[in-house]
PDB file of N, CA and C in Angstrom:
ATOM      1  N   MET A   1     102.474 110.934 102.589  1.00  0.00           N
ATOM      2  CA  MET A   1     101.479 110.702 101.907  1.00  0.00           C
ATOM      3  C   MET A   1     100.071 110.266 102.630  1.00  0.00           C
ATOM      4  N   ILE A   2      98.889 111.152 102.347  1.00  0.00           N
ATOM      5  CA  ILE A   2      97.725 110.696 103.189  1.00  0.00           C
ATOM      6  C   ILE A   2      96.541 110.554 102.062  1.00  0.00           C
ATOM      7  N   PHE A   3      95.901 109.267 102.519  1.00  0.00           N
ATOM      8  CA  PHE A   3      94.586 109.234 101.218  1.00  0.00           C
ATOM      9  C   PHE A   3      93.529 108.443 102.342  1.00  0.00           C
ATOM     10  N   TYR A   4      92.630 108.372 101.841  1.00  0.00           N
ATOM     11  CA  TYR A   4      91.277 107.791 102.750  1.00  0.00           C
ATOM     12  C   TYR A   4      90.747 106.715 102.098  1.00  0.00           C
ATOM     13  N   VAL A   5      90.449 105.632 102.564  1.00  0.00           N
ATOM     14  CA  VAL A   5      89.999 104.257 102.010  1.00  0.00           C
ATOM     15  C   VAL A   5      88.412 104.179 102.791  1.00  0.00           C
ATOM     16  N   LEU A   6      87.507 104.195 101.542  1.00  0.00           N
ATOM     17  CA  LEU A   6      86.018 104.056 102.488  1.00  0.00           C
ATOM     18  C   LEU A   6      85.749 102.485 101.970  1.00  0.00           C
ATOM     19  N   ALA A   7      85.596 101.267 102.804  1.00  0.00           N
ATOM     20  CA  ALA A   7      85.368 100.065 102.283  1.00  0.00           C
ATOM     21  C   ALA A   7      83.862  99.722 103.061  1.00  0.00           C
ATOM     22  N   PHE A   8      82.990  99.336 102.200  1.00  0.00           N
ATOM     23  CA  PHE A   8      81.691  99.000 102.695  1.00  0.00           C
ATOM     24  C   PHE A   8      81.120  97.919 101.739  1.00  0.00           C
ATOM     25  N   GLU A   9      80.177  96.843 102.556  1.00  0.00           N
ATOM     26  CA  GLU A   9      79.505  96.299 101.289  1.00  0.00           C
ATOM     27  C   GLU A   9      78.126  96.328 101.411  1.00  0.00           C
ATOM     28  N   ASN A  10      77.716  96.305 100.311  1.00  0.00           N
ATOM     29  CA  ASN A  10      76.317  96.729  99.953  1.00  0.00           C
ATOM     30  C   ASN A  10      75.211  95.409 100.180  1.00  0.00           C
ATOM     31  N   SER A  11      74.168  95.716 100.221  1.00  0.00           N
ATOM     32  CA  SER A  11      73.001  94.914 100.598  1.00  0.00           C
ATOM     33  C   SER A  11      73.149  93.307  99.530  1.00  0.00           C
ATOM     34  N   THR A  12      73.632  93.728  98.433  1.00  0.00           N
ATOM     35  CA  THR A  12      73.812  92.780  97.389  1.00  0.00           C
ATOM     36  C   THR A  12      75.423  91.689  97.755  1.00  0.00           C
ATOM     37  N   GLY A  13      75.793  92.207  98.538  1.00  0.00           N
ATOM     38  CA  GLY A  13      77.254  91.391  99.098  1.00  0.00           C
ATOM     39  C   GLY A  13      78.319  91.546  98.396  1.00  0.00           C
ATOM     40  N   ILE A  14      78.071  93.098  97.584  1.00  0.00           N
ATOM     41  CA  ILE A  14      79.492  93.247  96.590  1.00  0.00           C
ATOM     42  C   ILE A  14      80.326  94.023  97.387  1.00  0.00           C
ATOM     43  N   PHE A  15      81.679  93.653  97.473  1.00  0.00           N
ATOM     44  CA  PHE A  15      82.718  94.576  98.042  1.00  0.00           C
ATOM     45  C   PHE A  15      82.737  95.774  97.305  1.00  0.00           C
ATOM     46  N   ILE A  16      83.047  96.933  97.967  1.00  0.00           N
ATOM     47  CA  ILE A  16      82.902  98.183  97.228  1.00  0.00           C
ATOM     48  C   ILE A  16      84.153  99.231  98.225  1.00  0.00           C
ATOM     49  N   ALA A  17      85.017  99.486  97.272  1.00  0.00           N
ATOM     50  CA  ALA A  17      86.323 100.453  97.771  1.00  0.00           C
ATOM     51  C   ALA A  17      86.335 101.596  97.160  1.00  0.00           C
ATOM     52  N   LEU A  18      86.232 102.828  97.911  1.00  0.00           N
ATOM     53  CA  LEU A  18      86.331 103.951  97.255  1.00  0.00           C
ATOM     54  C   LEU A  18      87.517 104.585  97.911  1.00  0.00           C
ATOM     55  N   THR A  19      88.511 104.980  96.669  1.00  0.00           N
ATOM     56  CA  THR A  19      89.666 105.744  97.408  1.00  0.00           C
ATOM     57  C   THR A  19      90.210 106.940  96.890  1.00  0.00           C
ATOM     58  N   PHE A  20      90.389 107.870  97.620  1.00  0.00           N
ATOM     59  CA  PHE A  20      90.527 109.160  97.373  1.00  0.00           C
ATOM     60  C   PHE A  20      92.207 109.986  97.386  1.00  0.00           C
ATOM     61  N   TRP A  21      92.716 110.046  96.752  1.00  0.00           N
ATOM     62  CA  TRP A  21      94.098 110.582  96.981  1.00  0.00           C
ATOM     63  C   TRP A  21      94.443 111.972  96.268  1.00  0.00           C
ATOM     64  N   PRO A  22      95.291 112.761  97.272  1.00  0.00           N
ATOM     65  CA  PRO A  22      95.525 114.017  97.079  1.00  0.00           C
ATOM     66  C   PRO A  22      96.278 114.289  95.612  1.00  0.00           C
ATOM     67  N   ASP A  23      97.111 113.141  95.245  1.00  0.00           N
ATOM     68  CA  ASP A  23      97.989 113.260  94.076  1.00  0.00           C
ATOM     69  C   ASP A  23      97.453 112.120  93.007  1.00  0.00           C
ATOM     70  N   ILE A  24      97.137 112.671  91.529  1.00  0.00           N
ATOM     71  CA  ILE A  24      96.491 111.846  90.852  1.00  0.00           C
ATOM     72  C   ILE A  24      97.819 110.900  90.519  1.00  0.00           C
ATOM     73  N   ALA A  25      99.174 111.457  90.519  1.00  0.00           N
ATOM     74  CA  ALA A  25     100.261 110.614  90.307  1.00  0.00           C
ATOM     75  C   ALA A  25     100.481 109.113  90.675  1.00  0.00           C
ATOM     76  N   LEU A  26      99.707 109.100  92.016  1.00  0.00           N
ATOM     77  CA  LEU A  26      99.964 107.668  92.769  1.00  0.00           C
ATOM     78  C   LEU A  26      98.788 106.564  92.023  1.00  0.00           C
ATOM     79  N   TYR A  27      99.134 106.314  90.727  1.00  0.00           N
ATOM     80  CA  TYR A  27      98.087 105.442  89.881  1.00  0.00           C
ATOM     81  C   TYR A  27      97.999 104.136  90.451  1.00  0.00           C
ATOM     82  N   THR A  28      99.456 103.686  90.610  1.00  0.00           N
ATOM     83  CA  THR A  28     100.013 102.382  91.217  1.00  0.00           C
ATOM     84  C   THR A  28      99.571 101.887  92.244  1.00  0.00           C
ATOM     85  N   GLU A  29      99.676 103.067  93.366  1.00  0.00           N
ATOM     86  CA  GLU A  29      98.557 102.656  94.769  1.00  0.00           C
ATOM     87  C   GLU A  29      97.406 102.361  94.529  1.00  0.00           C
ATOM     88  N   ARG A  30      96.600 103.039  93.599  1.00  0.00           N
ATOM     89  CA  ARG A  30      95.221 102.852  93.319  1.00  0.00           C
ATOM     90  C   ARG A  30      94.917 101.845  93.056  1.00  0.00           C
ATOM     91  N   ILE A  31      95.572 101.017  91.797  1.00  0.00           N
ATOM     92  CA  ILE A  31      95.239  99.533  91.369  1.00  0.00           C
ATOM     93  C   ILE A  31      95.752  98.703  92.577  1.00  0.00           C
ATOM     94  N   VAL A  32      96.840  99.088  93.155  1.00  0.00           N
ATOM     95  CA  VAL A  32      96.959  97.957  94.381  1.00  0.00           C
ATOM     96  C   VAL A  32      95.792  97.869  95.227  1.00  0.00           C
ATOM     97  N   ILE A  33      94.998  98.971  95.259  1.00  0.00           N
ATOM     98  CA  ILE A  33      93.706  98.955  96.174  1.00  0.00           C
ATOM     99  C   ILE A  33      92.570  98.256  95.805  1.00  0.00           C
ATOM    100  N   TYR A  34      92.720  98.552  94.406  1.00  0.00           N
ATOM    101  CA  TYR A  34      91.217  97.800  93.918  1.00  0.00           C
ATOM    102  C   TYR A  34      91.563  96.301  93.842  1.00  0.00           C
ATOM    103  N   ILE A  35      92.902  96.012  93.594  1.00  0.00           N
ATOM    104  CA  ILE A  35      93.158  94.303  93.415  1.00  0.00           C
ATOM    105  C   ILE A  35      92.873  94.111  95.006  1.00  0.00           C
ATOM    106  N   VAL A  36      93.430  94.768  96.016  1.00  0.00           N
ATOM    107  CA  VAL A  36      93.049  94.042  97.353  1.00  0.00           C
ATOM    108  C   VAL A  36      91.457  94.121  97.448  1.00  0.00           C
ATOM    109  N   GLY A  37      90.475  95.251  96.978  1.00  0.00           N
ATOM    110  CA  GLY A  37      89.233  94.763  97.058  1.00  0.00           C
ATOM    111  C   GLY A  37      88.324  94.193  96.474  1.00  0.00           C
ATOM    112  N   LEU A  38      88.899  93.593  95.171  1.00  0.00           N
ATOM    113  CA  LEU A  38      88.376  92.658  94.545  1.00  0.00           C
ATOM    114  C   LEU A  38      88.655  91.146  95.237  1.00  0.00           C
ATOM    115  N   CYS A  39      89.811  91.226  95.832  1.00  0.00           N
ATOM    116  CA  CYS A  39      90.376  90.118  96.118  1.00  0.00           C
ATOM    117  C   CYS A  39      89.398  89.751  97.589  1.00  0.00           C
ATOM    118  N   CYS A  40      88.904  90.921  97.948  1.00  0.00           N
ATOM    119  CA  CYS A  40      87.958  90.640  99.347  1.00  0.00           C
ATOM    120  C   CYS A  40      86.504  90.384  99.362  1.00  0.00           C
ATOM    121  N   ILE A  41      85.932  90.540  97.737  1.00  0.00           N
ATOM    122  CA  ILE A  41      84.832  89.945  97.616  1.00  0.00           C
ATOM    123  C   ILE A  41      84.509  88.464  97.963  1.00  0.00           C
ATOM    124  N   ILE A  42      85.617  87.756  98.046  1.00  0.00           N
ATOM    125  CA  ILE A  42      85.658  86.353  98.206  1.00  0.00           C
ATOM    126  C   ILE A  42      85.292  86.048  99.512  1.00  0.00           C
ATOM    127  N   GLY A  43      86.281  87.208 100.444  1.00  0.00           N
ATOM    128  CA  GLY A  43      86.420  87.335 101.873  1.00  0.00           C
ATOM    129  C   GLY A  43      85.214  87.787 102.509  1.00  0.00           C
ATOM    130  N   SER A  44      84.901  88.136 103.730  1.00  0.00           N
ATOM    131  CA  SER A  44      84.055  88.958 104.299  1.00  0.00           C
ATOM    132  C   SER A  44      84.274  90.496 104.763  1.00  0.00           C
ATOM    133  N   SER A  45      83.599  91.502 104.653  1.00  0.00           N
ATOM    134  CA  SER A  45      83.633  92.407 104.350  1.00  0.00           C
ATOM    135  C   SER A  45      84.334  93.127 105.583  1.00  0.00           C
ATOM    136  N   VAL A  46      84.573  92.195 106.701  1.00  0.00           N
ATOM    137  CA  VAL A  46      85.781  92.578 107.853  1.00  0.00           C
ATOM    138  C   VAL A  46      87.254  92.520 107.746  1.00  0.00           C
ATOM    139  N   LEU A  47      87.282  91.275 107.123  1.00  0.00           N
ATOM    140  CA  LEU A  47      88.793  90.910 106.371  1.00  0.00           C
ATOM    141  C   LEU A  47      89.093  92.191 105.653  1.00  0.00           C
ATOM    142  N   GLY A  48      88.165  92.630 104.821  1.00  0.00           N
ATOM    143  CA  GLY A  48      88.749  93.287 103.551  1.00  0.00           C
ATOM    144  C   GLY A  48      88.814  94.675 103.880  1.00  0.00           C
ATOM    145  N   THR A  49      88.131  95.114 104.982  1.00  0.00           N
ATOM    146  CA  THR A  49      88.455  96.455 105.867  1.00  0.00           C
ATOM    147  C   THR A  49      89.805  96.304 106.371  1.00  0.00           C
ATOM    148  N   ILE A  50      90.153  95.122 107.123  1.00  0.00           N
ATOM    149  CA  ILE A  50      91.461  95.073 107.668  1.00  0.00           C
ATOM    150  C   ILE A  50      92.620  95.426 106.694  1.00  0.00           C
ATOM    151  N   ALA A  51      92.231  94.379 105.427  1.00  0.00           N
ATOM    152  CA  ALA A  51      93.219  94.033 104.439  1.00  0.00           C
ATOM    153  C   ALA A  51      93.541  95.701 104.193  1.00  0.00           C
ATOM    154  N   LEU A  52      92.506  96.681 103.601  1.00  0.00           N
ATOM    155  CA  LEU A  52      92.873  98.065 102.776  1.00  0.00           C
ATOM    156  C   LEU A  52      93.383  98.929 104.524  1.00  0.00           C
ATOM    157  N   ILE A  53      93.231  98.792 105.541  1.00  0.00           N
ATOM    158  CA  ILE A  53      93.915  99.462 106.454  1.00  0.00           C
ATOM    159  C   ILE A  53      95.413  99.167 106.346  1.00  0.00           C
ATOM    160  N   ILE A  54      95.743  97.819 106.278  1.00  0.00           N
ATOM    161  CA  ILE A  54      96.675  97.572 106.222  1.00  0.00           C
ATOM    162  C   ILE A  54      97.779  98.146 105.280  1.00  0.00           C
ATOM    163  N   VAL A  55      96.717  97.830 103.967  1.00  0.00           N
ATOM    164  CA  VAL A  55      97.552  98.445 102.705  1.00  0.00           C
ATOM    165  C   VAL A  55      97.909 100.049 102.787  1.00  0.00           C
ATOM    166  N   ARG A  56      96.730 100.798 103.411  1.00  0.00           N
ATOM    167  CA  ARG A  56      97.248 102.203 103.708  1.00  0.00           C
ATOM    168  C   ARG A  56      97.959 102.533 104.461  1.00  0.00           C
ATOM    169  N   LYS A  57      98.197 102.030 105.654  1.00  0.00           N
ATOM    170  CA  LYS A  57      99.294 102.468 106.780  1.00  0.00           C
ATOM    171  C   LYS A  57     100.701 101.724 106.072  1.00  0.00           C
ATOM    172  N   ILE A  58     101.028 100.807 105.322  1.00  0.00           N
ATOM    173  CA  ILE A  58     102.290 100.855 104.826  1.00  0.00           C
ATOM    174  C   ILE A  58     102.446 101.829 103.727  1.00  0.00           C
ATOM    175  N   ASN A  59     101.419 102.360 102.681  1.00  0.00           N
ATOM    176  CA  ASN A  59     101.460 103.367 101.689  1.00  0.00           C
ATOM    177  C   ASN A  59     101.872 104.765 102.297  1.00  0.00           C
ATOM    178  N   LYS A  60     101.773 104.601 103.524  1.00  0.00           N
ATOM    179  CA  LYS A  60     101.862 105.844 104.221  1.00  0.00           C
ATOM    180  C   LYS A  60     103.108 106.217 104.746  1.00  0.00           C
ATOM    181  N   ILE A  61     103.957 105.063 104.647  1.00  0.00           N
ATOM    182  CA  ILE A  61     105.612 105.145 105.092  1.00  0.00           C
ATOM    183  C   ILE A  61     106.372 105.768 104.295  1.00  0.00           C
TER     184      ILE A  61
END
């Protein structure tokens, strides 16, 4: 299972996470990524990127 996560923080400080999957059936994982991204609004963009990378590696297993 391969997918890409692009995480960045715009000028207004709002955390944005864009996720791309080859299979649309992975809807649960998509919700998990969005929840992590929303939680990272409170934290810094660096912590948010690390959290998204960890989730991506776990889902690859």
